Amino acid sequence: MSLTSTPLSAGERAPKFTLADAHGTQVALDDYAGKNVVVYFYPKAATKGCTTEACDFRDNLNSLRAAGYEVLGISPDEGDALASFAEAESLNFPLLSDPDFAVATAYGSYGQKEVNGKKYSGALRSTVVVDPDGKVALVEYNVAADGHVARLREELGV
């Protein structure tokens, strides 16, 4: 697999996908046709930054939904890890499994990163907002977990 994927740009068609959720149910981007969808990528369930970000989406989900946005979280974690994470943190939106990074790569959310001096390839923390027509409305790469949802809400006017 290549070390990086090509970033998306606002206005282009969002890549379609179908992934299993925490319970093995197939969830497709097409299931949200006609809606605004916040698709966010995170590296690993139940880690500090990913928990911060997921709980931030959880705590803001009602206001996002009231403004017409749904939320989907995507990571390389398998279903059992996603289910445990969702239960432990009372997450109220779908977490989807992308173990081969196919969707992350299609969304420009896969690449090389460094943690504690170790370089490796993996999911990059990023967010893509897909509009009701299936086009990219907003894209943010290499976001910080802390305060991300507040910044996103500000950009979306929510």
N, C-alpha and C. Protein backbone atom coordinates (compact mmCIF):
# COMPACT_ATOMS: atom_id res chain seq x y z
N MET A 1 0.85 -1.18 0.00
CA MET A 1 0.00 0.00 0.00
C MET A 1 0.89 1.23 0.00
N SER A 2 0.50 2.26 -0.71
CA SER A 2 1.29 3.48 -0.78
C SER A 2 1.29 4.18 0.57
N LEU A 3 2.27 5.05 0.75
CA LEU A 3 2.40 5.74 2.02
C LEU A 3 1.39 6.86 2.21
N THR A 4 0.84 7.35 1.14
CA THR A 4 -0.14 8.42 1.28
C THR A 4 -1.29 8.22 0.30
N SER A 5 -2.35 8.90 0.55
CA SER A 5 -3.49 8.89 -0.36
C SER A 5 -3.70 10.32 -0.82
N THR A 6 -4.48 10.50 -1.85
CA THR A 6 -4.70 11.82 -2.42
C THR A 6 -5.84 12.54 -1.70
N PRO A 7 -5.57 13.73 -1.17
CA PRO A 7 -6.63 14.48 -0.47
C PRO A 7 -7.79 14.84 -1.39
N LEU A 8 -8.95 14.91 -0.80
CA LEU A 8 -10.14 15.36 -1.51
C LEU A 8 -10.20 16.89 -1.47
N SER A 9 -11.01 17.44 -2.36
CA SER A 9 -11.22 18.88 -2.39
C SER A 9 -12.72 19.17 -2.37
N ALA A 10 -13.08 20.31 -1.81
CA ALA A 10 -14.49 20.72 -1.79
C ALA A 10 -15.00 20.78 -3.22
N GLY A 11 -16.22 20.30 -3.42
CA GLY A 11 -16.87 20.34 -4.72
C GLY A 11 -16.80 19.04 -5.49
N GLU A 12 -15.83 18.18 -5.17
CA GLU A 12 -15.77 16.91 -5.89
C GLU A 12 -16.71 15.89 -5.27
N ARG A 13 -17.04 14.88 -6.04
CA ARG A 13 -17.94 13.83 -5.57
C ARG A 13 -17.25 13.03 -4.49
N ALA A 14 -17.94 12.79 -3.38
CA ALA A 14 -17.39 11.98 -2.29
C ALA A 14 -17.38 10.52 -2.72
N PRO A 15 -16.28 9.81 -2.48
CA PRO A 15 -16.24 8.39 -2.83
C PRO A 15 -17.32 7.60 -2.07
N LYS A 16 -18.02 6.75 -2.80
CA LYS A 16 -19.04 5.91 -2.16
C LYS A 16 -18.36 4.80 -1.38
N PHE A 17 -19.02 4.34 -0.35
CA PHE A 17 -18.48 3.23 0.44
C PHE A 17 -19.61 2.47 1.11
N THR A 18 -19.30 1.24 1.47
CA THR A 18 -20.15 0.41 2.32
C THR A 18 -19.20 -0.30 3.28
N LEU A 19 -19.43 -0.13 4.57
CA LEU A 19 -18.60 -0.73 5.61
C LEU A 19 -19.49 -1.33 6.69
N ALA A 20 -18.94 -2.29 7.42
CA ALA A 20 -19.66 -2.88 8.55
C ALA A 20 -19.57 -1.97 9.76
N ASP A 21 -20.68 -1.87 10.49
CA ASP A 21 -20.65 -1.10 11.74
C ASP A 21 -20.22 -2.02 12.88
N ALA A 22 -20.31 -1.53 14.09
CA ALA A 22 -19.87 -2.27 15.27
C ALA A 22 -20.60 -3.60 15.46
N HIS A 23 -21.77 -3.74 14.86
CA HIS A 23 -22.58 -4.95 15.02
C HIS A 23 -22.61 -5.81 13.75
N GLY A 24 -21.80 -5.43 12.76
CA GLY A 24 -21.73 -6.20 11.53
C GLY A 24 -22.73 -5.78 10.46
N THR A 25 -23.56 -4.80 10.76
CA THR A 25 -24.53 -4.31 9.79
C THR A 25 -23.83 -3.45 8.75
N GLN A 26 -24.14 -3.68 7.48
CA GLN A 26 -23.53 -2.90 6.41
C GLN A 26 -24.16 -1.50 6.36
N VAL A 27 -23.30 -0.50 6.34
CA VAL A 27 -23.73 0.90 6.28
C VAL A 27 -23.06 1.52 5.06
N ALA A 28 -23.86 2.15 4.20
CA ALA A 28 -23.34 2.76 2.98
C ALA A 28 -23.53 4.27 3.02
N LEU A 29 -22.64 4.98 2.37
CA LEU A 29 -22.82 6.42 2.23
C LEU A 29 -24.15 6.70 1.53
N ASP A 30 -24.53 5.84 0.59
CA ASP A 30 -25.80 6.00 -0.12
C ASP A 30 -27.01 5.95 0.82
N ASP A 31 -26.86 5.33 2.00
CA ASP A 31 -27.95 5.29 2.98
C ASP A 31 -28.30 6.70 3.46
N TYR A 32 -27.38 7.63 3.26
CA TYR A 32 -27.56 9.00 3.74
C TYR A 32 -27.79 9.98 2.58
N ALA A 33 -28.15 9.46 1.43
CA ALA A 33 -28.42 10.32 0.27
C ALA A 33 -29.46 11.36 0.64
N GLY A 34 -29.22 12.58 0.22
CA GLY A 34 -30.14 13.68 0.52
C GLY A 34 -29.90 14.32 1.87
N LYS A 35 -28.87 13.86 2.59
CA LYS A 35 -28.54 14.42 3.91
C LYS A 35 -27.10 14.92 3.93
N ASN A 36 -26.83 15.81 4.85
CA ASN A 36 -25.45 16.21 5.14
C ASN A 36 -24.85 15.16 6.06
N VAL A 37 -23.64 14.73 5.76
CA VAL A 37 -23.00 13.70 6.57
C VAL A 37 -21.58 14.13 6.93
N VAL A 38 -21.28 14.11 8.22
CA VAL A 38 -19.92 14.33 8.70
C VAL A 38 -19.28 12.95 8.79
N VAL A 39 -18.27 12.72 7.94
CA VAL A 39 -17.53 11.46 7.94
C VAL A 39 -16.17 11.77 8.55
N TYR A 40 -15.93 11.20 9.74
CA TYR A 40 -14.63 11.50 10.35
C TYR A 40 -13.83 10.22 10.53
N PHE A 41 -12.54 10.34 10.28
CA PHE A 41 -11.60 9.22 10.36
C PHE A 41 -10.74 9.40 11.60
N TYR A 42 -10.56 8.31 12.33
CA TYR A 42 -9.73 8.34 13.53
C TYR A 42 -8.87 7.09 13.56
N PRO A 43 -7.69 7.18 14.18
CA PRO A 43 -6.73 6.08 14.11
C PRO A 43 -7.07 4.82 14.90
N LYS A 44 -7.55 4.94 16.15
CA LYS A 44 -7.74 3.74 16.96
C LYS A 44 -8.74 3.99 18.08
N ALA A 45 -9.72 3.13 18.16
CA ALA A 45 -10.75 3.22 19.19
C ALA A 45 -10.14 3.13 20.58
N ALA A 46 -10.73 3.86 21.49
CA ALA A 46 -10.40 3.82 22.92
C ALA A 46 -9.02 4.37 23.28
N THR A 47 -8.40 5.10 22.35
CA THR A 47 -7.17 5.80 22.69
C THR A 47 -7.55 7.22 23.12
N LYS A 48 -6.64 7.91 23.77
CA LYS A 48 -6.97 9.21 24.37
C LYS A 48 -7.58 10.20 23.37
N GLY A 49 -6.86 10.49 22.29
CA GLY A 49 -7.35 11.47 21.33
C GLY A 49 -8.64 11.04 20.65
N CYS A 50 -8.71 9.77 20.31
CA CYS A 50 -9.90 9.25 19.62
C CYS A 50 -11.12 9.26 20.55
N THR A 51 -10.90 8.99 21.82
CA THR A 51 -11.99 9.05 22.79
C THR A 51 -12.45 10.49 22.97
N THR A 52 -11.51 11.41 23.07
CA THR A 52 -11.86 12.83 23.19
C THR A 52 -12.73 13.26 22.03
N GLU A 53 -12.30 12.93 20.82
CA GLU A 53 -13.03 13.34 19.63
C GLU A 53 -14.40 12.68 19.54
N ALA A 54 -14.46 11.37 19.78
CA ALA A 54 -15.74 10.65 19.71
C ALA A 54 -16.74 11.19 20.73
N CYS A 55 -16.27 11.44 21.94
CA CYS A 55 -17.17 11.96 22.99
C CYS A 55 -17.63 13.37 22.65
N ASP A 56 -16.76 14.13 21.99
CA ASP A 56 -17.14 15.47 21.55
C ASP A 56 -18.25 15.39 20.50
N PHE A 57 -18.13 14.46 19.55
CA PHE A 57 -19.21 14.27 18.58
C PHE A 57 -20.47 13.80 19.30
N ARG A 58 -20.34 12.87 20.24
CA ARG A 58 -21.49 12.37 21.00
C ARG A 58 -22.21 13.53 21.69
N ASP A 59 -21.45 14.38 22.35
CA ASP A 59 -22.04 15.47 23.13
C ASP A 59 -22.65 16.56 22.25
N ASN A 60 -22.26 16.63 21.00
CA ASN A 60 -22.77 17.65 20.09
C ASN A 60 -23.71 17.09 19.03
N LEU A 61 -24.01 15.80 19.11
CA LEU A 61 -24.80 15.17 18.06
C LEU A 61 -26.19 15.77 17.92
N ASN A 62 -26.85 16.08 19.03
CA ASN A 62 -28.20 16.65 18.93
C ASN A 62 -28.20 17.97 18.17
N SER A 63 -27.23 18.84 18.45
CA SER A 63 -27.20 20.12 17.74
C SER A 63 -26.81 19.93 16.27
N LEU A 64 -25.91 18.98 16.00
CA LEU A 64 -25.55 18.69 14.61
C LEU A 64 -26.77 18.15 13.86
N ARG A 65 -27.48 17.21 14.47
CA ARG A 65 -28.66 16.65 13.82
C ARG A 65 -29.75 17.71 13.63
N ALA A 66 -29.92 18.58 14.62
CA ALA A 66 -30.91 19.64 14.50
C ALA A 66 -30.61 20.56 13.32
N ALA A 67 -29.33 20.68 12.99
CA ALA A 67 -28.91 21.50 11.85
C ALA A 67 -28.84 20.68 10.56
N GLY A 68 -29.24 19.39 10.63
CA GLY A 68 -29.32 18.57 9.44
C GLY A 68 -28.09 17.74 9.11
N TYR A 69 -27.24 17.47 10.11
CA TYR A 69 -26.02 16.69 9.89
C TYR A 69 -26.07 15.36 10.63
N GLU A 70 -25.68 14.29 9.95
CA GLU A 70 -25.48 12.98 10.56
C GLU A 70 -23.98 12.80 10.72
N VAL A 71 -23.56 11.89 11.60
CA VAL A 71 -22.14 11.64 11.87
C VAL A 71 -21.82 10.16 11.70
N LEU A 72 -20.72 9.88 11.01
CA LEU A 72 -20.19 8.53 10.87
C LEU A 72 -18.71 8.57 11.24
N GLY A 73 -18.30 7.69 12.15
CA GLY A 73 -16.89 7.58 12.52
C GLY A 73 -16.29 6.35 11.85
N ILE A 74 -15.10 6.49 11.27
CA ILE A 74 -14.46 5.37 10.56
C ILE A 74 -13.04 5.17 11.09
N SER A 75 -12.71 3.91 11.40
CA SER A 75 -11.36 3.56 11.84
C SER A 75 -11.02 2.17 11.32
N PRO A 76 -9.76 1.77 11.45
CA PRO A 76 -9.39 0.42 11.02
C PRO A 76 -9.77 -0.67 12.03
N ASP A 77 -10.35 -0.29 13.14
CA ASP A 77 -10.72 -1.26 14.18
C ASP A 77 -11.77 -2.24 13.69
N GLU A 78 -11.70 -3.46 14.19
CA GLU A 78 -12.70 -4.49 13.88
C GLU A 78 -13.95 -4.25 14.73
N GLY A 79 -15.02 -4.96 14.38
CA GLY A 79 -16.32 -4.77 15.02
C GLY A 79 -16.33 -4.89 16.53
N ASP A 80 -15.63 -5.88 17.10
CA ASP A 80 -15.63 -6.06 18.55
C ASP A 80 -15.04 -4.85 19.26
N ALA A 81 -13.95 -4.31 18.72
CA ALA A 81 -13.32 -3.13 19.32
C ALA A 81 -14.24 -1.92 19.21
N LEU A 82 -14.91 -1.80 18.07
CA LEU A 82 -15.85 -0.68 17.88
C LEU A 82 -17.03 -0.79 18.84
N ALA A 83 -17.56 -2.00 18.99
CA ALA A 83 -18.69 -2.20 19.89
C ALA A 83 -18.31 -1.88 21.34
N SER A 84 -17.15 -2.33 21.77
CA SER A 84 -16.68 -2.04 23.13
C SER A 84 -16.49 -0.54 23.34
N PHE A 85 -15.90 0.11 22.35
CA PHE A 85 -15.67 1.56 22.41
C PHE A 85 -17.00 2.30 22.49
N ALA A 86 -17.93 1.94 21.62
CA ALA A 86 -19.24 2.61 21.60
C ALA A 86 -19.97 2.42 22.92
N GLU A 87 -19.91 1.22 23.45
CA GLU A 87 -20.59 0.94 24.72
C GLU A 87 -19.93 1.69 25.88
N ALA A 88 -18.62 1.62 25.96
CA ALA A 88 -17.89 2.26 27.06
C ALA A 88 -18.11 3.77 27.10
N GLU A 89 -18.25 4.38 25.93
CA GLU A 89 -18.38 5.84 25.85
C GLU A 89 -19.79 6.31 25.52
N SER A 90 -20.75 5.40 25.49
CA SER A 90 -22.15 5.71 25.17
C SER A 90 -22.26 6.50 23.86
N LEU A 91 -21.55 6.04 22.86
CA LEU A 91 -21.57 6.74 21.57
C LEU A 91 -22.89 6.49 20.87
N ASN A 92 -23.43 7.53 20.28
CA ASN A 92 -24.79 7.52 19.74
C ASN A 92 -24.84 7.73 18.22
N PHE A 93 -23.79 7.32 17.55
CA PHE A 93 -23.71 7.40 16.10
C PHE A 93 -22.90 6.19 15.61
N PRO A 94 -23.04 5.82 14.34
CA PRO A 94 -22.37 4.62 13.85
C PRO A 94 -20.84 4.75 13.79
N LEU A 95 -20.17 3.70 14.22
CA LEU A 95 -18.73 3.55 14.05
C LEU A 95 -18.54 2.45 13.01
N LEU A 96 -17.74 2.72 11.99
CA LEU A 96 -17.58 1.80 10.89
C LEU A 96 -16.15 1.27 10.82
N SER A 97 -16.02 0.01 10.40
CA SER A 97 -14.73 -0.66 10.33
C SER A 97 -14.16 -0.63 8.92
N ASP A 98 -12.94 -0.10 8.80
CA ASP A 98 -12.22 0.00 7.53
C ASP A 98 -10.83 -0.63 7.71
N PRO A 99 -10.79 -1.96 7.96
CA PRO A 99 -9.53 -2.61 8.34
C PRO A 99 -8.44 -2.59 7.28
N ASP A 100 -8.81 -2.49 6.02
CA ASP A 100 -7.79 -2.46 4.97
C ASP A 100 -7.50 -1.04 4.48
N PHE A 101 -8.08 -0.05 5.15
CA PHE A 101 -7.86 1.37 4.85
C PHE A 101 -8.35 1.77 3.46
N ALA A 102 -9.21 0.98 2.84
CA ALA A 102 -9.68 1.29 1.49
C ALA A 102 -10.45 2.61 1.45
N VAL A 103 -11.35 2.80 2.41
CA VAL A 103 -12.14 4.04 2.43
C VAL A 103 -11.27 5.20 2.88
N ALA A 104 -10.44 4.99 3.89
CA ALA A 104 -9.52 6.05 4.33
C ALA A 104 -8.64 6.50 3.16
N THR A 105 -8.15 5.57 2.37
CA THR A 105 -7.32 5.91 1.22
C THR A 105 -8.12 6.70 0.20
N ALA A 106 -9.35 6.27 -0.09
CA ALA A 106 -10.20 6.96 -1.07
C ALA A 106 -10.51 8.39 -0.62
N TYR A 107 -10.54 8.61 0.68
CA TYR A 107 -10.86 9.93 1.23
C TYR A 107 -9.62 10.77 1.56
N GLY A 108 -8.44 10.28 1.20
CA GLY A 108 -7.22 11.04 1.48
C GLY A 108 -6.83 11.00 2.94
N SER A 109 -7.35 10.03 3.67
CA SER A 109 -7.15 9.96 5.12
C SER A 109 -6.22 8.82 5.53
N TYR A 110 -5.33 8.44 4.64
CA TYR A 110 -4.36 7.40 4.94
C TYR A 110 -2.99 7.92 4.55
N GLY A 111 -2.03 7.74 5.44
CA GLY A 111 -0.69 8.20 5.10
C GLY A 111 0.30 7.93 6.21
N GLN A 112 1.49 8.44 6.01
CA GLN A 112 2.56 8.24 6.97
C GLN A 112 2.43 9.25 8.11
N LYS A 113 2.70 8.76 9.31
CA LYS A 113 2.68 9.63 10.48
C LYS A 113 3.75 9.17 11.45
N GLU A 114 4.00 9.98 12.45
CA GLU A 114 5.03 9.66 13.42
C GLU A 114 4.47 9.83 14.82
N VAL A 115 4.66 8.82 15.65
CA VAL A 115 4.24 8.86 17.04
C VAL A 115 5.41 8.40 17.89
N ASN A 116 5.80 9.24 18.83
CA ASN A 116 6.93 8.93 19.72
C ASN A 116 8.18 8.51 18.95
N GLY A 117 8.45 9.19 17.84
CA GLY A 117 9.64 8.92 17.07
C GLY A 117 9.55 7.74 16.12
N LYS A 118 8.43 7.03 16.16
CA LYS A 118 8.24 5.87 15.28
C LYS A 118 7.37 6.27 14.09
N LYS A 119 7.85 5.98 12.88
CA LYS A 119 7.08 6.29 11.67
C LYS A 119 6.34 5.05 11.20
N TYR A 120 5.11 5.25 10.82
CA TYR A 120 4.30 4.17 10.26
C TYR A 120 3.16 4.76 9.45
N SER A 121 2.50 3.94 8.67
CA SER A 121 1.36 4.38 7.88
C SER A 121 0.08 3.96 8.57
N GLY A 122 -0.93 4.80 8.45
CA GLY A 122 -2.20 4.48 9.07
C GLY A 122 -3.23 5.55 8.80
N ALA A 123 -4.35 5.44 9.50
CA ALA A 123 -5.44 6.41 9.36
C ALA A 123 -5.01 7.75 9.92
N LEU A 124 -5.27 8.80 9.17
CA LEU A 124 -4.98 10.17 9.59
C LEU A 124 -6.27 10.80 10.11
N ARG A 125 -6.17 11.47 11.24
CA ARG A 125 -7.36 12.11 11.81
C ARG A 125 -7.83 13.20 10.85
N SER A 126 -9.01 13.01 10.30
CA SER A 126 -9.53 13.95 9.32
C SER A 126 -11.06 13.89 9.29
N THR A 127 -11.64 14.92 8.69
CA THR A 127 -13.09 15.02 8.61
C THR A 127 -13.50 15.51 7.24
N VAL A 128 -14.49 14.85 6.67
CA VAL A 128 -15.04 15.25 5.38
C VAL A 128 -16.55 15.41 5.57
N VAL A 129 -17.06 16.56 5.20
CA VAL A 129 -18.51 16.79 5.24
C VAL A 129 -19.03 16.60 3.83
N VAL A 130 -19.99 15.68 3.70
CA VAL A 130 -20.60 15.37 2.41
C VAL A 130 -21.98 16.01 2.37
N ASP A 131 -22.26 16.75 1.31
CA ASP A 131 -23.55 17.45 1.21
C ASP A 131 -24.64 16.50 0.71
N PRO A 132 -25.89 16.96 0.70
CA PRO A 132 -27.00 16.09 0.29
C PRO A 132 -26.90 15.55 -1.13
N ASP A 133 -26.10 16.19 -1.98
CA ASP A 133 -25.91 15.73 -3.36
C ASP A 133 -24.74 14.77 -3.50
N GLY A 134 -24.08 14.43 -2.37
CA GLY A 134 -22.96 13.51 -2.42
C GLY A 134 -21.63 14.14 -2.76
N LYS A 135 -21.57 15.45 -2.65
CA LYS A 135 -20.32 16.16 -2.95
C LYS A 135 -19.64 16.60 -1.65
N VAL A 136 -18.33 16.75 -1.73
CA VAL A 136 -17.56 17.20 -0.58
C VAL A 136 -17.85 18.68 -0.36
N ALA A 137 -18.39 19.00 0.81
CA ALA A 137 -18.69 20.39 1.16
C ALA A 137 -17.53 21.02 1.94
N LEU A 138 -16.87 20.21 2.74
CA LEU A 138 -15.78 20.69 3.60
C LEU A 138 -14.85 19.52 3.87
N VAL A 139 -13.57 19.79 3.90
CA VAL A 139 -12.61 18.73 4.21
C VAL A 139 -11.50 19.31 5.09
N GLU A 140 -11.15 18.57 6.13
CA GLU A 140 -10.08 18.98 7.05
C GLU A 140 -9.18 17.77 7.30
N TYR A 141 -7.89 17.95 7.10
CA TYR A 141 -6.93 16.88 7.34
C TYR A 141 -6.02 17.23 8.51
N ASN A 142 -5.50 16.19 9.15
CA ASN A 142 -4.56 16.33 10.27
C ASN A 142 -5.12 17.25 11.36
N VAL A 143 -6.37 17.01 11.73
CA VAL A 143 -7.01 17.82 12.75
C VAL A 143 -6.57 17.36 14.14
N ALA A 144 -6.59 18.28 15.07
CA ALA A 144 -6.34 17.96 16.48
C ALA A 144 -7.65 17.50 17.09
N ALA A 145 -7.59 16.48 17.92
CA ALA A 145 -8.81 15.96 18.54
C ALA A 145 -9.46 16.98 19.46
N ASP A 146 -8.66 17.66 20.26
CA ASP A 146 -9.19 18.64 21.21
C ASP A 146 -9.78 19.84 20.47
N GLY A 147 -11.04 20.10 20.69
CA GLY A 147 -11.69 21.27 20.11
C GLY A 147 -12.10 21.11 18.66
N HIS A 148 -11.90 19.94 18.09
CA HIS A 148 -12.21 19.75 16.67
C HIS A 148 -13.69 19.96 16.38
N VAL A 149 -14.56 19.38 17.16
CA VAL A 149 -15.99 19.49 16.89
C VAL A 149 -16.47 20.93 17.04
N ALA A 150 -15.95 21.65 18.01
CA ALA A 150 -16.32 23.06 18.17
C ALA A 150 -15.90 23.86 16.94
N ARG A 151 -14.69 23.62 16.44
CA ARG A 151 -14.22 24.31 15.23
C ARG A 151 -15.09 23.93 14.03
N LEU A 152 -15.42 22.65 13.93
CA LEU A 152 -16.25 22.18 12.83
C LEU A 152 -17.64 22.82 12.89
N ARG A 153 -18.22 22.85 14.06
CA ARG A 153 -19.55 23.48 14.21
C ARG A 153 -19.50 24.94 13.79
N GLU A 154 -18.43 25.64 14.15
CA GLU A 154 -18.28 27.04 13.78
C GLU A 154 -18.22 27.17 12.26
N GLU A 155 -17.43 26.32 11.62
CA GLU A 155 -17.31 26.37 10.15
C GLU A 155 -18.63 26.04 9.47
N LEU A 156 -19.42 25.16 10.07
CA LEU A 156 -20.71 24.78 9.49
C LEU A 156 -21.84 25.73 9.90
N GLY A 157 -21.56 26.63 10.81
CA GLY A 157 -22.58 27.57 11.28
C GLY A 157 -23.63 26.91 12.16
N VAL A 158 -23.22 25.87 12.89
CA VAL A 158 -24.13 25.12 13.76
C VAL A 158 -23.99 25.60 15.19
